[in-house]
Amino acid sequence: LEKIQSIEELFQKSHEYLSIMGTYLAKSSKLITEICRIGVADIRANPDTVDKWVDYTRKFIFPAVSLLETNPIIASDIYSLMNCLPFERRYFMYNEMLTKLSQDVLSIKVGFNKTEREARSILKALSVDNIEEESRKLAKLASTNPLAVLVPAVKQIENYDKVSELVVFAAKYFNDFAYDVLQYVLLLRLTNGKDAVQPDGVNQAMWVQRLSIFIADLARNCAKMDINNIITYILKTLHTGNIIAVSIMRELITKVGGIGDLNEVNLKQLRMLNSGDPLKKLARRLIFDFRDNNSELATGLLNLFAKQNGVSEVILLLYRLNVKANSQDAHYKILSSRCDEMNTLLWSFIELVKHCFKGKDFSDNVLPFDTLINEYHVST
């Protein structure tokens, strides 16, 4: 073959030769790496070429993932190119792989099913006794073909209590590709249309609670895990009073922010909480409030909301949900439960903001008190 001299020639030759190879391009890892590096360099030099590389990646590069065996290094090279594309395009490719390619293309279906069986086998064998060894196996699989591994893993988390902490441990070894797909899979499962409330109308469905805890544990234990799109999901669905968003918020504030509630505080602890810093910190430890230990994590979480100008928005949304909970026409037990939940959540989020944002950070992200009262009718 003649040496390729330009990007346009690369696209032309790829349609001639790689169309014949199809997914078996995975057998030539060196070629994949070189193409991905060329793509990354071209997009950085000419951002206008993104659309062409989206089509190229979708047609030639991404389908080869299912036949990579266990090769996180090449998968990382592929993701280095995919990471240059808008997340909406990546999510489209993930959805196409799940709903179409893994069902219709025989070679992809075989590779996909093989990886999925291996993942299920590891998940069944995963326990506290062998977590170090088995979690690394799971991480290698997830870092190579994340869709085939993480969809069944997240489904198991929805159904079983013990799986979450084991997968979180394994997630510490994931590459960026696996983290990106994990966020997509979580959003996919959160929006699957299942009932979020148990038939009694009061308690959350267990799958919601388990996924909320899992997301919070990931945010707390996996520094490389990006939850920006989950934060966007929370902000958008809080407008409709989505109980799933409320559940995730509560777990993030408790586990990542370390804010403990005041539902079971005695008079002595209450006095200590309103005393000087030494007594206040001691009282917080007594009520399992770990905000002083989680300051860095909590500030990182709030910065995700601040990045989307969402701090004041969350305060107002939680306040309105609180008002709505007090004015609904429902059984008194349901009203009591919802009122307590929304009161605690609003107080906890405000405490988190007060603890993490000081001075200019606070004034830049939180509306002035008179604006909250006069324009948004927040009661005092």
Protein backbone atom coordinates (compact mmCIF):
# COMPACT_ATOMS: atom_id res chain seq x y z
CA LEU A 1 0.00 0.00 0.00
CA GLU A 2 1.14 3.52 -0.73
CA LYS A 3 1.82 5.83 2.17
CA ILE A 4 -1.21 7.95 3.07
CA GLN A 5 -0.42 11.65 2.82
CA SER A 6 -3.54 13.42 4.17
CA ILE A 7 -6.62 13.04 6.36
CA GLU A 8 -8.89 13.03 3.31
CA GLU A 9 -6.85 10.21 1.82
CA LEU A 10 -7.08 8.33 5.16
CA PHE A 11 -10.89 8.57 5.02
CA GLN A 12 -10.92 7.42 1.40
CA LYS A 13 -8.62 4.43 1.95
CA SER A 14 -10.49 3.47 5.12
CA HIS A 15 -13.74 3.16 3.19
CA GLU A 16 -11.94 0.98 0.67
CA TYR A 17 -10.18 -1.39 3.07
CA LEU A 18 -11.58 -1.07 6.59
CA SER A 19 -15.14 -1.58 5.32
CA ILE A 20 -14.02 -5.07 4.31
CA MET A 21 -12.30 -5.73 7.65
CA GLY A 22 -15.27 -4.52 9.69
CA THR A 23 -14.99 -5.30 13.40
CA TYR A 24 -11.92 -7.47 12.77
CA LEU A 25 -9.95 -4.24 12.78
CA ALA A 26 -9.67 -5.15 16.49
CA LYS A 27 -7.03 -7.73 15.50
CA SER A 28 -4.69 -4.92 14.44
CA SER A 29 -4.23 -2.97 17.65
CA LYS A 30 -1.26 -1.01 16.32
CA LEU A 31 -3.32 0.34 13.42
CA ILE A 32 -6.17 1.35 15.78
CA THR A 33 -3.73 3.23 18.01
CA GLU A 34 -2.17 5.10 15.08
CA ILE A 35 -5.55 6.08 13.62
CA CYS A 36 -6.82 7.28 17.00
CA ARG A 37 -3.73 9.41 17.57
CA ILE A 38 -4.08 10.92 14.10
CA GLY A 39 -7.72 11.67 14.85
CA VAL A 40 -6.98 13.35 18.18
CA ALA A 41 -4.25 15.51 16.59
CA ASP A 42 -6.50 16.47 13.67
CA ILE A 43 -9.45 17.48 15.87
CA ARG A 44 -7.19 19.58 18.10
CA ALA A 45 -5.68 21.31 15.07
CA ASN A 46 -8.98 21.63 13.15
CA PRO A 47 -12.05 21.51 15.44
CA ASP A 48 -14.32 21.77 12.37
CA THR A 49 -13.42 18.18 11.44
CA VAL A 50 -15.27 16.76 14.47
CA ASP A 51 -18.32 15.68 12.46
CA LYS A 52 -16.18 13.71 10.02
CA TRP A 53 -14.41 11.94 12.90
CA VAL A 54 -17.77 11.19 14.54
CA ASP A 55 -18.85 9.30 11.41
CA TYR A 56 -15.45 7.64 11.08
CA THR A 57 -15.39 6.50 14.73
CA ARG A 58 -18.96 5.25 14.55
CA LYS A 59 -18.32 3.24 11.37
CA PHE A 60 -14.81 1.82 11.89
CA ILE A 61 -13.34 2.33 15.37
CA PHE A 62 -16.02 1.93 18.03
CA PRO A 63 -17.57 -1.33 16.69
CA ALA A 64 -14.14 -2.98 17.03
CA VAL A 65 -14.31 -2.62 20.84
CA SER A 66 -16.39 -5.78 21.20
CA LEU A 67 -13.61 -7.91 19.68
CA LEU A 68 -10.67 -6.48 21.64
CA GLU A 69 -10.53 -9.43 24.07
CA THR A 70 -9.11 -7.93 27.30
CA ASN A 71 -7.03 -4.96 26.21
CA PRO A 72 -7.65 -1.79 28.27
CA ILE A 73 -4.69 -0.01 26.67
CA ILE A 74 -6.15 -0.08 23.15
CA ALA A 75 -9.61 0.73 24.57
CA SER A 76 -8.06 3.81 26.22
CA ASP A 77 -6.59 4.85 22.86
CA ILE A 78 -10.04 4.52 21.29
CA TYR A 79 -11.57 6.61 24.07
CA SER A 80 -8.90 9.29 23.64
CA LEU A 81 -10.44 9.87 20.20
CA MET A 82 -14.04 9.52 21.41
CA ASN A 83 -13.38 11.97 24.23
CA CYS A 84 -12.74 14.66 21.61
CA LEU A 85 -16.33 14.22 20.40
CA PRO A 86 -19.39 15.83 22.07
CA PHE A 87 -20.83 13.60 24.77
CA GLU A 88 -24.18 13.54 22.96
CA ARG A 89 -22.49 11.82 19.99
CA ARG A 90 -20.74 9.34 22.28
CA TYR A 91 -24.01 8.53 24.03
CA PHE A 92 -25.64 8.01 20.63
CA MET A 93 -22.92 5.47 19.77
CA TYR A 94 -23.37 3.71 23.12
CA ASN A 95 -27.12 3.48 22.54
CA GLU A 96 -26.64 2.21 18.99
CA MET A 97 -24.25 -0.46 20.24
CA LEU A 98 -26.67 -1.61 22.95
CA THR A 99 -29.89 -1.59 21.00
CA LYS A 100 -28.79 -2.37 17.44
CA LEU A 101 -25.23 -3.51 16.73
CA SER A 102 -24.96 -5.97 19.62
CA GLN A 103 -28.21 -7.55 18.40
CA ASP A 104 -27.81 -7.47 14.61
CA VAL A 105 -24.08 -7.79 13.78
CA LEU A 106 -22.97 -11.37 14.44
CA SER A 107 -19.31 -10.71 15.29
CA ILE A 108 -20.26 -7.92 17.71
CA LYS A 109 -23.02 -10.03 19.25
CA VAL A 110 -20.60 -12.92 19.88
CA GLY A 111 -17.95 -10.66 21.47
CA PHE A 112 -20.55 -8.76 23.45
CA ASN A 113 -22.18 -11.89 24.84
CA LYS A 114 -18.82 -13.48 25.68
CA THR A 115 -17.74 -10.43 27.69
CA GLU A 116 -21.14 -10.21 29.38
CA ARG A 117 -20.93 -13.86 30.49
CA GLU A 118 -17.44 -13.32 31.89
CA ALA A 119 -18.65 -10.23 33.76
CA ARG A 120 -21.63 -12.08 35.26
CA SER A 121 -19.32 -14.91 36.33
CA ILE A 122 -16.96 -12.48 38.09
CA LEU A 123 -19.87 -10.65 39.74
CA LYS A 124 -21.20 -13.93 41.11
CA ALA A 125 -17.76 -14.88 42.46
CA LEU A 126 -17.02 -11.40 43.87
CA SER A 127 -16.91 -11.37 47.66
CA VAL A 128 -15.06 -9.70 50.51
CA ASP A 129 -12.56 -12.59 50.58
CA ASN A 130 -11.42 -12.32 46.95
CA ILE A 131 -12.29 -8.69 46.21
CA GLU A 132 -8.73 -7.58 45.43
CA GLU A 133 -8.13 -10.19 42.72
CA GLU A 134 -11.64 -10.39 41.25
CA SER A 135 -12.19 -6.62 41.19
CA ARG A 136 -9.09 -6.18 39.05
CA LYS A 137 -10.41 -8.78 36.60
CA LEU A 138 -13.74 -6.96 36.47
CA ALA A 139 -11.97 -3.62 35.98
CA LYS A 140 -9.92 -4.96 33.05
CA LEU A 141 -13.07 -6.27 31.36
CA ALA A 142 -14.98 -3.04 32.05
CA SER A 143 -12.08 -0.93 30.79
CA THR A 144 -12.05 -2.86 27.49
CA ASN A 145 -15.73 -3.41 26.67
CA PRO A 146 -17.56 -1.28 29.26
CA LEU A 147 -21.08 -1.55 27.83
CA ALA A 148 -21.06 -5.35 27.96
CA VAL A 149 -19.86 -5.30 31.57
CA LEU A 150 -21.53 -2.31 33.18
CA VAL A 151 -25.12 -2.81 32.02
CA PRO A 152 -25.44 -6.20 33.81
CA ALA A 153 -23.40 -4.87 36.75
CA VAL A 154 -25.72 -1.89 37.31
CA LYS A 155 -28.78 -4.14 36.93
CA GLN A 156 -27.39 -6.37 39.68
CA ILE A 157 -26.82 -3.30 41.87
CA GLU A 158 -30.51 -2.43 41.43
CA ASN A 159 -31.54 -5.87 42.67
CA TYR A 160 -29.00 -6.75 45.40
CA ASP A 161 -27.68 -4.75 48.35
CA LYS A 162 -24.18 -6.22 48.62
CA VAL A 163 -23.10 -5.74 45.00
CA SER A 164 -22.75 -1.94 45.14
CA GLU A 165 -19.77 -1.69 47.48
CA LEU A 166 -17.93 -4.46 45.59
CA VAL A 167 -18.40 -2.72 42.23
CA VAL A 168 -17.33 0.62 43.76
CA PHE A 169 -14.12 -1.07 44.91
CA ALA A 170 -13.54 -2.42 41.39
CA ALA A 171 -14.33 0.99 39.90
CA LYS A 172 -11.17 2.41 41.47
CA TYR A 173 -9.25 0.56 38.74
CA PHE A 174 -11.43 1.68 35.80
CA ASN A 175 -10.02 3.73 32.93
CA ASP A 176 -11.68 6.92 31.62
CA PHE A 177 -13.60 4.94 28.99
CA ALA A 178 -15.30 2.80 31.65
CA TYR A 179 -16.12 5.87 33.77
CA ASP A 180 -17.74 7.61 30.79
CA VAL A 181 -19.85 4.56 29.93
CA LEU A 182 -20.76 4.06 33.59
CA GLN A 183 -22.28 7.55 33.76
CA TYR A 184 -24.24 6.79 30.56
CA VAL A 185 -25.48 3.44 31.94
CA LEU A 186 -26.54 5.06 35.23
CA LEU A 187 -28.53 7.73 33.36
CA LEU A 188 -30.04 5.00 31.20
CA ARG A 189 -31.21 3.05 34.25
CA LEU A 190 -32.43 6.15 36.11
CA THR A 191 -34.68 7.04 33.17
CA ASN A 192 -35.99 3.53 32.43
CA GLY A 193 -39.58 4.39 33.40
CA LYS A 194 -39.88 1.98 36.34
CA ASP A 195 -41.96 3.02 39.35
CA ALA A 196 -39.82 5.05 41.75
CA VAL A 197 -42.22 4.71 44.69
CA GLN A 198 -43.45 1.56 46.40
CA PRO A 199 -47.20 0.75 46.27
CA ASP A 200 -47.71 2.31 49.74
CA GLY A 201 -47.03 5.73 48.17
CA VAL A 202 -44.58 6.66 50.94
CA ASN A 203 -41.36 4.70 50.56
CA GLN A 204 -39.00 4.77 47.63
CA ALA A 205 -38.58 1.74 45.43
CA MET A 206 -35.47 -0.18 46.49
CA TRP A 207 -33.84 0.13 43.07
CA VAL A 208 -33.89 3.94 43.41
CA GLN A 209 -32.31 3.81 46.84
CA ARG A 210 -29.62 1.35 45.73
CA LEU A 211 -28.66 3.36 42.65
CA SER A 212 -28.60 6.61 44.68
CA ILE A 213 -26.25 5.06 47.22
CA PHE A 214 -24.07 3.66 44.42
CA ILE A 215 -23.76 7.08 42.73
CA ALA A 216 -22.84 8.76 46.03
CA ASP A 217 -20.26 6.06 46.81
CA LEU A 218 -18.72 6.49 43.36
CA ALA A 219 -18.50 10.26 43.82
CA ARG A 220 -16.88 9.79 47.22
CA ASN A 221 -14.42 7.00 46.41
CA CYS A 222 -13.55 7.41 42.72
CA ALA A 223 -11.91 10.78 42.12
CA LYS A 224 -11.83 10.28 38.33
CA MET A 225 -15.56 9.53 38.08
CA ASP A 226 -17.31 12.36 36.23
CA ILE A 227 -20.91 12.94 37.37
CA ASN A 228 -21.52 16.23 35.52
CA ASN A 229 -24.32 14.79 33.42
CA ILE A 230 -25.93 13.22 36.49
CA ILE A 231 -25.89 16.68 38.12
CA THR A 232 -27.58 18.04 34.98
CA TYR A 233 -30.18 15.28 35.28
CA ILE A 234 -30.81 16.24 38.92
CA LEU A 235 -31.22 19.93 38.10
CA LYS A 236 -33.61 19.30 35.23
CA THR A 237 -35.78 16.70 36.91
CA LEU A 238 -36.05 18.55 40.24
CA HIS A 239 -38.26 21.00 38.33
CA THR A 240 -40.86 18.23 38.06
CA GLY A 241 -40.41 17.04 41.65
CA ASN A 242 -38.74 13.81 40.52
CA ILE A 243 -38.29 11.59 43.59
CA ILE A 244 -35.25 9.92 41.98
CA ALA A 245 -33.42 13.26 41.84
CA VAL A 246 -34.42 13.94 45.44
CA SER A 247 -33.02 10.56 46.49
CA ILE A 248 -29.68 11.13 44.70
CA MET A 249 -29.39 14.60 46.21
CA ARG A 250 -29.94 13.24 49.71
CA GLU A 251 -27.26 10.57 49.32
CA LEU A 252 -24.75 12.98 47.76
CA ILE A 253 -25.23 15.50 50.57
CA THR A 254 -24.92 12.81 53.26
CA LYS A 255 -22.11 10.66 51.85
CA VAL A 256 -20.05 13.17 49.85
CA GLY A 257 -20.85 16.34 51.79
CA GLY A 258 -20.86 14.56 55.16
CA ILE A 259 -23.85 16.55 56.42
CA GLY A 260 -25.75 14.77 59.18
CA ASP A 261 -29.39 15.58 59.94
CA LEU A 262 -30.73 16.92 63.26
CA ASN A 263 -33.69 14.56 63.60
CA GLU A 264 -32.35 12.79 66.67
CA VAL A 265 -30.32 15.50 68.41
CA ASN A 266 -30.74 15.89 72.17
CA LEU A 267 -30.66 19.19 74.05
CA LYS A 268 -27.02 18.81 75.11
CA GLN A 269 -25.87 18.17 71.54
CA LEU A 270 -27.96 21.10 70.30
CA ARG A 271 -26.22 23.43 72.75
CA MET A 272 -22.81 22.11 71.66
CA LEU A 273 -23.74 22.68 67.99
CA ASN A 274 -24.42 26.34 68.80
CA SER A 275 -21.21 26.83 70.79
CA GLY A 276 -17.64 27.60 69.71
CA ASP A 277 -15.75 25.62 67.06
CA PRO A 278 -14.20 22.96 69.35
CA LEU A 279 -17.56 21.97 70.88
CA LYS A 280 -19.30 22.29 67.53
CA LYS A 281 -16.88 19.85 65.86
CA LEU A 282 -17.24 17.41 68.76
CA ALA A 283 -21.03 17.58 68.54
CA ARG A 284 -20.90 16.94 64.81
CA ARG A 285 -18.91 13.76 65.37
CA LEU A 286 -21.47 12.64 67.95
CA ILE A 287 -24.32 12.93 65.46
CA PHE A 288 -22.23 11.38 62.62
CA ASP A 289 -21.83 14.66 60.78
CA PHE A 290 -18.50 14.40 58.92
CA ARG A 291 -18.48 17.67 57.02
CA ASP A 292 -15.16 18.70 58.62
CA ASN A 293 -13.48 15.56 57.25
CA ASN A 294 -15.17 15.78 53.84
CA SER A 295 -14.49 19.45 53.07
CA GLU A 296 -12.51 18.80 49.88
CA LEU A 297 -15.02 16.30 48.50
CA ALA A 298 -17.97 18.49 49.49
CA THR A 299 -16.47 21.57 47.82
CA GLY A 300 -15.85 19.54 44.66
CA LEU A 301 -19.49 18.43 44.66
CA LEU A 302 -20.80 21.98 45.12
CA ASN A 303 -18.49 23.21 42.35
CA LEU A 304 -20.28 20.84 39.97
CA PHE A 305 -23.55 22.61 40.79
CA ALA A 306 -21.86 26.02 40.64
CA LYS A 307 -20.42 25.19 37.21
CA GLN A 308 -24.00 24.97 35.93
CA ASN A 309 -25.15 28.01 37.96
CA GLY A 310 -27.28 25.61 39.94
CA VAL A 311 -26.65 26.37 43.63
CA SER A 312 -29.41 28.96 44.05
CA GLU A 313 -31.58 26.99 41.63
CA VAL A 314 -31.39 23.91 43.87
CA ILE A 315 -32.22 25.96 46.97
CA LEU A 316 -35.31 27.41 45.26
CA LEU A 317 -36.39 24.06 43.81
CA LEU A 318 -36.07 22.32 47.17
CA TYR A 319 -37.97 25.15 48.86
CA ARG A 320 -40.83 24.87 46.35
CA LEU A 321 -40.92 21.10 46.73
CA ASN A 322 -41.09 21.69 50.48
CA VAL A 323 -44.05 24.06 50.05
CA LYS A 324 -45.72 21.60 47.67
CA ALA A 325 -45.27 18.75 50.14
CA ASN A 326 -47.10 20.80 52.76
CA SER A 327 -50.05 21.61 50.50
CA GLN A 328 -50.78 18.28 48.83
CA ASP A 329 -54.10 16.53 49.26
CA ALA A 330 -52.91 13.12 50.51
CA HIS A 331 -53.02 10.85 53.54
CA TYR A 332 -51.47 12.51 56.60
CA LYS A 333 -48.82 9.78 56.89
CA ILE A 334 -47.64 10.43 53.34
CA LEU A 335 -47.67 14.20 53.90
CA SER A 336 -45.76 13.87 57.17
CA SER A 337 -43.10 11.67 55.58
CA ARG A 338 -42.61 13.95 52.57
CA CYS A 339 -42.56 17.13 54.64
CA ASP A 340 -39.89 15.73 56.96
CA GLU A 341 -37.83 14.54 53.99
CA MET A 342 -37.97 17.84 52.11
CA ASN A 343 -37.35 19.94 55.22
CA THR A 344 -34.27 17.87 56.07
CA LEU A 345 -32.97 17.96 52.49
CA LEU A 346 -33.37 21.74 52.17
CA TRP A 347 -31.67 22.34 55.51
CA SER A 348 -28.84 19.90 54.65
CA PHE A 349 -28.12 21.53 51.28
CA ILE A 350 -28.04 25.02 52.81
CA GLU A 351 -25.68 23.74 55.52
CA LEU A 352 -23.45 22.27 52.81
CA VAL A 353 -23.33 25.58 50.94
CA LYS A 354 -22.59 27.55 54.14
CA HIS A 355 -19.80 25.13 55.07
CA CYS A 356 -18.06 25.02 51.66
CA PHE A 357 -18.55 28.48 50.17
CA LYS A 358 -17.12 31.47 51.99
CA GLY A 359 -16.94 35.15 51.08
CA LYS A 360 -16.89 35.76 47.32
CA ASP A 361 -17.67 32.14 46.46
CA PHE A 362 -20.85 32.37 48.53
CA SER A 363 -21.98 35.73 47.11
CA ASP A 364 -21.23 34.59 43.53
CA ASN A 365 -23.36 31.46 43.81
CA VAL A 366 -26.16 32.27 46.27
CA LEU A 367 -28.78 34.92 45.56
CA PRO A 368 -29.02 37.77 48.09
CA PHE A 369 -31.52 37.27 50.90
CA ASP A 370 -33.75 40.16 49.80
CA THR A 371 -33.88 38.74 46.25
CA LEU A 372 -34.93 35.34 47.56
CA ILE A 373 -37.73 36.97 49.60
CA ASN A 374 -38.96 39.70 47.25
CA GLU A 375 -38.57 38.08 43.83
CA TYR A 376 -38.90 34.38 44.61
CA HIS A 377 -41.18 34.68 47.67
CA VAL A 378 -39.10 32.49 49.95
CA SER A 379 -40.58 32.69 53.44
CA THR A 380 -38.36 33.49 56.42
